Protein backbone atom coordinates (compact mmCIF):
# COMPACT_ATOMS: atom_id res chain seq x y z
CA UNK A 1 -7.21 -3.86 5.04
CA UNK A 2 -8.80 -1.80 2.34
CA UNK A 3 -9.64 -3.48 -1.07
CA UNK A 4 -9.64 -0.09 -2.76
CA UNK A 5 -5.98 0.52 -2.10
CA UNK A 6 -5.18 -2.89 -3.12
CA UNK A 7 -7.10 -2.56 -6.33
CA UNK A 8 -5.38 0.77 -6.98
CA UNK A 9 -2.01 -0.69 -6.44
CA UNK A 10 -2.77 -3.77 -8.51
CA UNK A 11 -3.60 -1.43 -11.44
CA UNK A 12 -0.38 0.45 -11.06
CA UNK A 13 -1.76 3.67 -9.56
CA UNK A 14 0.27 5.44 -6.80
CA UNK A 15 -1.65 5.88 -3.63
CA UNK A 16 -1.64 8.72 -1.06
CA UNK A 17 -3.14 7.69 2.27
CA UNK A 18 -2.95 8.52 6.05
CA UNK A 19 -0.59 6.56 8.35
CA UNK A 20 -3.60 4.92 9.94
CA UNK A 21 -4.47 1.22 10.31
CA UNK A 22 -3.81 -1.20 7.57
CA UNK A 23 -2.48 1.42 5.29
CA UNK A 24 0.92 0.96 6.82
CA UNK A 25 0.73 -2.73 5.45
CA UNK A 26 -0.01 -1.58 1.99
CA UNK A 27 1.88 1.54 1.24
CA UNK A 28 5.58 1.82 1.35
CA UNK A 29 6.11 5.50 1.59
CA UNK A 30 8.10 6.80 -1.38
CA UNK A 31 7.90 3.33 -3.15
CA UNK A 32 4.19 2.88 -4.29
CA UNK A 33 2.72 6.01 -2.96
CA UNK A 34 2.94 8.37 0.00
CA UNK A 35 1.76 8.38 3.66
CA UNK A 36 0.67 11.56 5.30
CA UNK A 37 -0.24 12.16 9.07
CA UNK A 38 -3.89 11.62 9.77
CA UNK A 39 -5.81 14.94 9.81
CA UNK A 40 -2.95 16.77 8.13
CA UNK A 41 -4.73 18.32 4.96
CA UNK A 42 -1.65 20.60 4.13
CA UNK A 43 0.61 17.37 3.94
CA UNK A 44 -2.08 15.70 1.84
CA UNK A 45 -2.26 18.65 -0.50
CA UNK A 46 1.60 18.83 -0.85
CA UNK A 47 1.80 15.07 -1.87
CA UNK A 48 -1.04 15.41 -4.42
CA UNK A 49 0.84 18.48 -5.81
CA UNK A 50 4.10 16.55 -5.72
CA UNK A 51 2.61 13.61 -7.67
CA UNK A 52 1.13 15.94 -10.20
CA UNK A 53 4.40 17.69 -10.68
CA UNK A 54 6.39 14.44 -10.99
CA UNK A 55 4.65 12.14 -13.37
CA UNK A 56 7.96 10.42 -14.02
CA UNK A 57 7.59 8.61 -10.64
CA UNK A 58 4.26 6.96 -11.56
CA UNK A 59 5.70 4.19 -13.57
CA UNK A 60 8.07 3.08 -10.83
CA UNK A 61 5.32 3.32 -8.21
CA UNK A 62 3.11 1.38 -10.46
CA UNK A 63 5.68 -1.56 -10.94
CA UNK A 64 6.40 -1.65 -7.25
CA UNK A 65 2.65 -1.66 -6.32
CA UNK A 66 1.80 -4.40 -8.79
CA UNK A 67 4.59 -6.49 -7.64
CA UNK A 68 3.72 -5.91 -3.87
CA UNK A 69 0.21 -7.03 -4.54
CA UNK A 70 1.24 -10.14 -6.31
CA UNK A 71 3.83 -11.03 -3.67
CA UNK A 72 1.92 -10.16 -0.52
CA UNK A 73 -1.76 -10.03 -1.21
CA UNK A 74 -2.53 -12.78 -3.63
CA UNK A 75 -4.89 -15.54 -2.29
CA UNK A 76 -2.15 -18.15 -1.85
CA UNK A 77 0.10 -15.66 0.27
CA UNK A 78 -2.90 -14.76 2.42
CA UNK A 79 -3.81 -18.17 3.05
CA UNK A 80 -0.28 -19.16 3.91
CA UNK A 81 -0.03 -16.32 6.41
CA UNK A 82 -3.45 -17.28 7.82
CA UNK A 83 -2.19 -20.93 8.44
CA UNK A 84 0.94 -19.63 10.00
CA UNK A 85 -1.04 -17.57 12.50
CA UNK A 86 -3.25 -20.60 13.33
CA UNK A 87 -0.20 -22.70 13.81
CA UNK A 88 1.52 -20.09 16.09
CA UNK A 89 -1.71 -19.93 18.14
CA UNK A 90 -2.11 -23.72 18.34
CA UNK A 91 1.37 -24.14 19.50
CA UNK A 92 0.88 -21.98 22.58
C-alpha cells in the first residue's frame, strides 16, 4: 500500500495509477481516479488528457477519495482489520 496515493486521495486529488499491487485496493476506477494497464503509456496519456478535459469530475472524485480514506484507511479501521486477520489465523 502506498502512502502517496492515500495522501493524494485524502486531499481530494484524483489519481491515475496502474492496475498493479495495492493500487487495486486504493483506486476505484472512475470513482476516485483511473486505473490503466501496467506499461500502457498510451492509456496513461489518454486518462491524463481526459482528466484535464473534464475538471468537473474532480470534486466528485475528491469527495469519494476522502470518504474512502476516512472509512477504509484510518488507524482504527486498519487496526480492526489487522485484529480480524489475527483472529482468523488463530482459529485455524
